[in-house]
Amino acid sequence: MTASALLTGAILTSCNTHAEKLENAQNDVIEANKDLNKANKEYLGDMRNYKKETADKIAANDKSIAELKARVEYEKKEAKVDYKKKIAELEQGNSGMKRE
C-alpha cells in the first residue's frame, strides 16, 4: 500500500513537472517572439535612418560635384586636372553609396 502511494505520488509529481516544463517552454517561446519582433522593429528603424543619411550624403556630394564642374571651366589648366580628379573621386563615392 505504501509503495503504491509513493508510486502514485511520483507519477503525479512527474506529470506536473512535464506540464510545468511545457508551460515554461511555451512562455519562453512567447518571450523570444516578443524579443524578435522588437529587434526587427529596431532593425527596420536603423535601416530607414541609414538610407536617409546615405541619401543626404549623396545629395551633398552631387551638389559639390556640380559646384566643382562649374568652377573647373574658369580655372587654369593645372587646376583643372586637380578638380577633375576630385570630381571623379566624388562620383565614384556616390556610385558606391547608391549600390548599398
N, C-alpha and C. Protein backbone atom coordinates (compact mmCIF):
# COMPACT_ATOMS: atom_id res chain seq x y z
N MET A 1 0.82 -1.17 0.00
CA MET A 1 0.00 0.00 0.00
C MET A 1 0.88 1.25 0.00
N THR A 2 1.87 1.28 0.86
CA THR A 2 2.76 2.43 0.93
C THR A 2 3.53 2.59 -0.37
N ALA A 3 3.94 1.49 -0.94
CA ALA A 3 4.70 1.54 -2.18
C ALA A 3 3.83 2.09 -3.31
N SER A 4 2.55 1.68 -3.34
CA SER A 4 1.69 2.18 -4.41
C SER A 4 1.38 3.65 -4.20
N ALA A 5 1.30 4.11 -2.95
CA ALA A 5 1.07 5.54 -2.69
C ALA A 5 2.29 6.35 -3.13
N LEU A 6 3.47 5.83 -2.85
CA LEU A 6 4.69 6.51 -3.28
C LEU A 6 4.79 6.55 -4.80
N LEU A 7 4.43 5.44 -5.43
CA LEU A 7 4.48 5.36 -6.88
C LEU A 7 3.48 6.33 -7.50
N THR A 8 2.29 6.39 -6.97
CA THR A 8 1.26 7.30 -7.47
C THR A 8 1.71 8.74 -7.27
N GLY A 9 2.28 9.03 -6.12
CA GLY A 9 2.80 10.38 -5.85
C GLY A 9 3.91 10.75 -6.81
N ALA A 10 4.78 9.81 -7.09
CA ALA A 10 5.89 10.07 -8.01
C ALA A 10 5.37 10.31 -9.42
N ILE A 11 4.36 9.56 -9.83
CA ILE A 11 3.79 9.73 -11.17
C ILE A 11 3.11 11.10 -11.28
N LEU A 12 2.34 11.46 -10.27
CA LEU A 12 1.66 12.75 -10.30
C LEU A 12 2.67 13.91 -10.29
N THR A 13 3.71 13.76 -9.52
CA THR A 13 4.74 14.79 -9.46
C THR A 13 5.45 14.92 -10.80
N SER A 14 5.75 13.78 -11.43
CA SER A 14 6.44 13.84 -12.72
C SER A 14 5.52 14.40 -13.79
N CYS A 15 4.22 14.15 -13.72
CA CYS A 15 3.28 14.73 -14.69
C CYS A 15 3.24 16.24 -14.53
N ASN A 16 3.20 16.71 -13.31
CA ASN A 16 3.20 18.16 -13.09
C ASN A 16 4.51 18.77 -13.59
N THR A 17 5.57 18.05 -13.39
CA THR A 17 6.85 18.57 -13.83
C THR A 17 6.87 18.72 -15.35
N HIS A 18 6.36 17.72 -16.07
CA HIS A 18 6.30 17.81 -17.53
C HIS A 18 5.36 18.94 -17.96
N ALA A 19 4.23 19.08 -17.29
CA ALA A 19 3.29 20.15 -17.62
C ALA A 19 3.92 21.51 -17.35
N GLU A 20 4.63 21.60 -16.25
CA GLU A 20 5.31 22.86 -15.93
C GLU A 20 6.40 23.16 -16.95
N LYS A 21 7.13 22.12 -17.33
CA LYS A 21 8.19 22.31 -18.33
C LYS A 21 7.59 22.78 -19.65
N LEU A 22 6.47 22.19 -20.04
CA LEU A 22 5.81 22.57 -21.27
C LEU A 22 5.34 24.03 -21.19
N GLU A 23 4.74 24.39 -20.07
CA GLU A 23 4.27 25.76 -19.90
C GLU A 23 5.45 26.75 -19.91
N ASN A 24 6.52 26.38 -19.25
CA ASN A 24 7.72 27.24 -19.25
C ASN A 24 8.29 27.38 -20.66
N ALA A 25 8.31 26.29 -21.40
CA ALA A 25 8.82 26.33 -22.77
C ALA A 25 7.94 27.22 -23.64
N GLN A 26 6.63 27.11 -23.45
CA GLN A 26 5.71 27.95 -24.22
C GLN A 26 5.91 29.43 -23.87
N ASN A 27 6.10 29.70 -22.60
CA ASN A 27 6.36 31.09 -22.18
C ASN A 27 7.68 31.60 -22.76
N ASP A 28 8.68 30.73 -22.81
CA ASP A 28 9.96 31.11 -23.38
C ASP A 28 9.81 31.45 -24.87
N VAL A 29 9.00 30.66 -25.57
CA VAL A 29 8.77 30.91 -26.99
C VAL A 29 8.06 32.25 -27.18
N ILE A 30 7.08 32.52 -26.35
CA ILE A 30 6.35 33.79 -26.44
C ILE A 30 7.30 34.97 -26.20
N GLU A 31 8.14 34.86 -25.19
CA GLU A 31 9.11 35.93 -24.89
C GLU A 31 10.11 36.09 -26.03
N ALA A 32 10.57 34.97 -26.57
CA ALA A 32 11.53 35.02 -27.68
C ALA A 32 10.90 35.71 -28.89
N ASN A 33 9.63 35.41 -29.16
CA ASN A 33 8.94 36.07 -30.28
C ASN A 33 8.79 37.57 -30.04
N LYS A 34 8.50 37.95 -28.82
CA LYS A 34 8.41 39.38 -28.49
C LYS A 34 9.76 40.06 -28.71
N ASP A 35 10.83 39.41 -28.25
CA ASP A 35 12.18 39.96 -28.43
C ASP A 35 12.53 40.07 -29.92
N LEU A 36 12.15 39.06 -30.69
CA LEU A 36 12.41 39.07 -32.12
C LEU A 36 11.66 40.20 -32.80
N ASN A 37 10.40 40.39 -32.45
CA ASN A 37 9.62 41.48 -33.03
C ASN A 37 10.22 42.84 -32.70
N LYS A 38 10.66 42.99 -31.46
CA LYS A 38 11.28 44.25 -31.05
C LYS A 38 12.57 44.48 -31.83
N ALA A 39 13.37 43.44 -31.96
CA ALA A 39 14.64 43.56 -32.70
C ALA A 39 14.38 43.89 -34.17
N ASN A 40 13.35 43.29 -34.76
CA ASN A 40 13.02 43.58 -36.15
C ASN A 40 12.59 45.03 -36.32
N LYS A 41 11.80 45.55 -35.40
CA LYS A 41 11.37 46.94 -35.47
C LYS A 41 12.57 47.88 -35.36
N GLU A 42 13.48 47.58 -34.44
CA GLU A 42 14.68 48.39 -34.29
C GLU A 42 15.54 48.33 -35.55
N TYR A 43 15.66 47.15 -36.13
CA TYR A 43 16.45 46.98 -37.35
C TYR A 43 15.86 47.81 -38.49
N LEU A 44 14.54 47.74 -38.65
CA LEU A 44 13.88 48.49 -39.72
C LEU A 44 14.05 49.99 -39.51
N GLY A 45 13.98 50.44 -38.26
CA GLY A 45 14.22 51.84 -37.97
C GLY A 45 15.65 52.25 -38.29
N ASP A 46 16.60 51.41 -37.94
CA ASP A 46 18.00 51.68 -38.25
C ASP A 46 18.22 51.74 -39.77
N MET A 47 17.57 50.84 -40.50
CA MET A 47 17.72 50.84 -41.95
C MET A 47 17.13 52.12 -42.56
N ARG A 48 15.97 52.56 -42.07
CA ARG A 48 15.39 53.81 -42.57
C ARG A 48 16.34 54.98 -42.33
N ASN A 49 16.91 55.03 -41.12
CA ASN A 49 17.85 56.11 -40.80
C ASN A 49 19.09 56.04 -41.70
N TYR A 50 19.61 54.85 -41.90
CA TYR A 50 20.79 54.67 -42.74
C TYR A 50 20.50 55.13 -44.17
N LYS A 51 19.35 54.72 -44.70
CA LYS A 51 19.01 55.11 -46.07
C LYS A 51 18.86 56.62 -46.20
N LYS A 52 18.25 57.25 -45.19
CA LYS A 52 18.08 58.70 -45.23
C LYS A 52 19.43 59.40 -45.16
N GLU A 53 20.29 58.95 -44.24
CA GLU A 53 21.63 59.55 -44.11
C GLU A 53 22.42 59.39 -45.41
N THR A 54 22.33 58.21 -46.01
CA THR A 54 23.05 57.95 -47.25
C THR A 54 22.52 58.85 -48.37
N ALA A 55 21.19 58.98 -48.46
CA ALA A 55 20.60 59.85 -49.48
C ALA A 55 21.04 61.30 -49.28
N ASP A 56 21.11 61.73 -48.03
CA ASP A 56 21.57 63.09 -47.74
C ASP A 56 23.03 63.28 -48.16
N LYS A 57 23.87 62.29 -47.89
CA LYS A 57 25.28 62.37 -48.28
C LYS A 57 25.42 62.42 -49.80
N ILE A 58 24.63 61.60 -50.49
CA ILE A 58 24.68 61.57 -51.95
C ILE A 58 24.26 62.93 -52.51
N ALA A 59 23.20 63.50 -51.94
CA ALA A 59 22.72 64.81 -52.40
C ALA A 59 23.79 65.88 -52.18
N ALA A 60 24.45 65.83 -51.02
CA ALA A 60 25.52 66.81 -50.73
C ALA A 60 26.68 66.62 -51.71
N ASN A 61 27.03 65.38 -51.99
CA ASN A 61 28.11 65.11 -52.95
C ASN A 61 27.73 65.57 -54.36
N ASP A 62 26.47 65.34 -54.74
CA ASP A 62 26.02 65.80 -56.06
C ASP A 62 26.14 67.32 -56.17
N LYS A 63 25.80 68.01 -55.10
CA LYS A 63 25.92 69.47 -55.09
C LYS A 63 27.39 69.89 -55.23
N SER A 64 28.27 69.22 -54.48
CA SER A 64 29.70 69.52 -54.57
C SER A 64 30.24 69.25 -55.97
N ILE A 65 29.79 68.17 -56.57
CA ILE A 65 30.23 67.82 -57.92
C ILE A 65 29.80 68.92 -58.90
N ALA A 66 28.55 69.35 -58.78
CA ALA A 66 28.06 70.39 -59.68
C ALA A 66 28.84 71.69 -59.50
N GLU A 67 29.15 72.04 -58.25
CA GLU A 67 29.93 73.26 -57.99
C GLU A 67 31.34 73.14 -58.57
N LEU A 68 31.96 71.98 -58.39
CA LEU A 68 33.31 71.77 -58.93
C LEU A 68 33.31 71.83 -60.45
N LYS A 69 32.30 71.24 -61.06
CA LYS A 69 32.22 71.26 -62.52
C LYS A 69 32.05 72.69 -63.04
N ALA A 70 31.29 73.50 -62.30
CA ALA A 70 31.10 74.89 -62.72
C ALA A 70 32.40 75.68 -62.57
N ARG A 71 33.14 75.42 -61.50
CA ARG A 71 34.40 76.13 -61.25
C ARG A 71 35.51 75.73 -62.21
N VAL A 72 35.52 74.49 -62.62
CA VAL A 72 36.61 73.97 -63.43
C VAL A 72 36.72 74.72 -64.77
N GLU A 73 35.62 75.23 -65.25
CA GLU A 73 35.63 75.94 -66.53
C GLU A 73 36.50 77.21 -66.49
N TYR A 74 36.59 77.80 -65.30
CA TYR A 74 37.30 79.09 -65.17
C TYR A 74 38.71 78.95 -64.62
N GLU A 75 39.14 77.75 -64.38
CA GLU A 75 40.46 77.53 -63.77
C GLU A 75 41.54 77.34 -64.83
N LYS A 76 42.77 77.47 -64.36
CA LYS A 76 43.92 77.22 -65.23
C LYS A 76 44.04 75.73 -65.50
N LYS A 77 44.83 75.41 -66.47
CA LYS A 77 44.98 74.03 -66.90
C LYS A 77 45.41 73.11 -65.75
N GLU A 78 46.37 73.54 -64.92
CA GLU A 78 46.87 72.71 -63.82
C GLU A 78 45.77 72.46 -62.78
N ALA A 79 44.99 73.49 -62.50
CA ALA A 79 43.93 73.36 -61.51
C ALA A 79 42.80 72.46 -62.04
N LYS A 80 42.58 72.51 -63.35
CA LYS A 80 41.53 71.68 -63.95
C LYS A 80 41.79 70.20 -63.68
N VAL A 81 43.04 69.79 -63.75
CA VAL A 81 43.40 68.39 -63.51
C VAL A 81 43.02 67.99 -62.09
N ASP A 82 43.35 68.86 -61.12
CA ASP A 82 43.00 68.58 -59.72
C ASP A 82 41.49 68.52 -59.53
N TYR A 83 40.78 69.48 -60.11
CA TYR A 83 39.33 69.49 -59.98
C TYR A 83 38.70 68.25 -60.60
N LYS A 84 39.18 67.88 -61.77
CA LYS A 84 38.63 66.70 -62.43
C LYS A 84 38.89 65.44 -61.63
N LYS A 85 40.04 65.39 -60.96
CA LYS A 85 40.37 64.24 -60.11
C LYS A 85 39.41 64.20 -58.92
N LYS A 86 39.18 65.35 -58.29
CA LYS A 86 38.25 65.41 -57.15
C LYS A 86 36.84 65.04 -57.58
N ILE A 87 36.44 65.52 -58.74
CA ILE A 87 35.10 65.20 -59.27
C ILE A 87 34.97 63.69 -59.48
N ALA A 88 35.99 63.08 -60.07
CA ALA A 88 35.96 61.63 -60.32
C ALA A 88 35.87 60.86 -59.00
N GLU A 89 36.60 61.31 -57.98
CA GLU A 89 36.55 60.64 -56.67
C GLU A 89 35.16 60.75 -56.05
N LEU A 90 34.57 61.94 -56.11
CA LEU A 90 33.23 62.12 -55.56
C LEU A 90 32.20 61.29 -56.31
N GLU A 91 32.31 61.27 -57.63
CA GLU A 91 31.36 60.47 -58.42
C GLU A 91 31.50 58.99 -58.13
N GLN A 92 32.72 58.54 -57.93
CA GLN A 92 32.95 57.14 -57.60
C GLN A 92 32.36 56.82 -56.22
N GLY A 93 32.57 57.73 -55.27
CA GLY A 93 32.00 57.52 -53.93
C GLY A 93 30.48 57.48 -53.97
N ASN A 94 29.89 58.37 -54.75
CA ASN A 94 28.43 58.36 -54.88
C ASN A 94 27.94 57.06 -55.50
N SER A 95 28.63 56.59 -56.50
CA SER A 95 28.23 55.32 -57.14
C SER A 95 28.26 54.18 -56.13
N GLY A 96 29.29 54.16 -55.30
CA GLY A 96 29.39 53.12 -54.28
C GLY A 96 28.26 53.20 -53.27
N MET A 97 27.90 54.42 -52.85
CA MET A 97 26.81 54.58 -51.88
C MET A 97 25.46 54.22 -52.47
N LYS A 98 25.29 54.50 -53.74
CA LYS A 98 24.00 54.20 -54.40
C LYS A 98 23.77 52.70 -54.52
N ARG A 99 24.86 51.93 -54.62
CA ARG A 99 24.74 50.48 -54.73
C ARG A 99 24.38 49.83 -53.41
N GLU A 100 24.71 50.47 -52.30
CA GLU A 100 24.49 49.87 -50.99
C GLU A 100 23.06 49.87 -50.60
